[in-house]
Amino acid sequence: MNPIVLTAALTGLFCAMFAGLVDIVTDALAMWQVMILGAVSGFCGSLFAQIVLRRTK
């Protein structure tokens, strides 16, 4: 599989799981806090995908 597609898929999977977690706690959060959590999710998802791909090579 193309590494770019695999990285995108892993990042998307991580962000989807993170969004589920955010959904559980968003009733108590303001919109700016949800936006920060979304940014953290993308950042961590990208790191997760890169770590997983480097370990599998």
Protein backbone atom coordinates (compact mmCIF):
# COMPACT_ATOMS: atom_id res chain seq x y z
CA MET A 1 0.00 0.00 0.00
CA ASN A 2 1.21 3.50 -0.76
CA PRO A 3 2.88 4.98 2.39
CA ILE A 4 0.97 8.25 2.01
CA VAL A 5 -2.38 6.44 1.93
CA LEU A 6 -1.39 4.22 4.86
CA THR A 7 -0.31 7.23 6.93
CA ALA A 8 -3.58 9.00 6.15
CA ALA A 9 -5.60 5.91 7.05
CA LEU A 10 -3.81 5.44 10.38
CA THR A 11 -4.18 9.14 11.21
CA GLY A 12 -7.89 8.99 10.34
CA LEU A 13 -8.38 5.91 12.53
CA PHE A 14 -6.61 7.55 15.46
CA CYS A 15 -8.63 10.76 15.07
CA ALA A 16 -11.89 8.82 14.87
CA MET A 17 -11.13 7.06 18.15
CA PHE A 18 -10.03 10.34 19.71
CA ALA A 19 -13.26 12.01 18.52
CA GLY A 20 -15.24 9.32 20.33
CA LEU A 21 -13.40 10.18 23.52
CA VAL A 22 -13.98 13.90 22.95
CA ASP A 23 -17.68 13.24 22.35
CA ILE A 24 -17.93 11.72 25.82
CA VAL A 25 -16.57 14.84 27.52
CA THR A 26 -17.71 17.66 25.20
CA ASP A 27 -20.83 18.50 27.14
CA ALA A 28 -18.59 20.12 29.72
CA LEU A 29 -16.28 21.87 27.24
CA ALA A 30 -16.47 25.19 25.40
CA MET A 31 -16.05 25.31 21.61
CA TRP A 32 -12.48 26.65 21.82
CA GLN A 33 -11.55 23.70 24.04
CA VAL A 34 -13.04 21.26 21.52
CA MET A 35 -11.06 22.98 18.75
CA ILE A 36 -7.83 22.60 20.75
CA LEU A 37 -8.63 18.92 21.35
CA GLY A 38 -9.17 18.51 17.59
CA ALA A 39 -5.75 20.02 16.90
CA VAL A 40 -4.16 17.75 19.51
CA SER A 41 -5.93 14.80 17.92
CA GLY A 42 -4.49 15.55 14.48
CA PHE A 43 -1.01 16.07 15.88
CA CYS A 44 -1.07 12.87 17.94
CA GLY A 45 -2.65 10.92 15.09
CA SER A 46 0.13 11.96 12.75
CA LEU A 47 2.80 11.00 15.29
CA PHE A 48 1.04 7.67 15.90
CA ALA A 49 0.98 6.86 12.19
CA GLN A 50 4.64 7.77 11.73
CA ILE A 51 5.72 5.66 14.73
CA VAL A 52 3.69 2.66 13.57
CA LEU A 53 5.04 2.88 10.02
CA ARG A 54 8.67 3.17 11.14
CA ARG A 55 8.35 0.13 13.41
CA THR A 56 6.88 -2.00 10.63
CA LYS A 57 9.69 -1.28 8.15
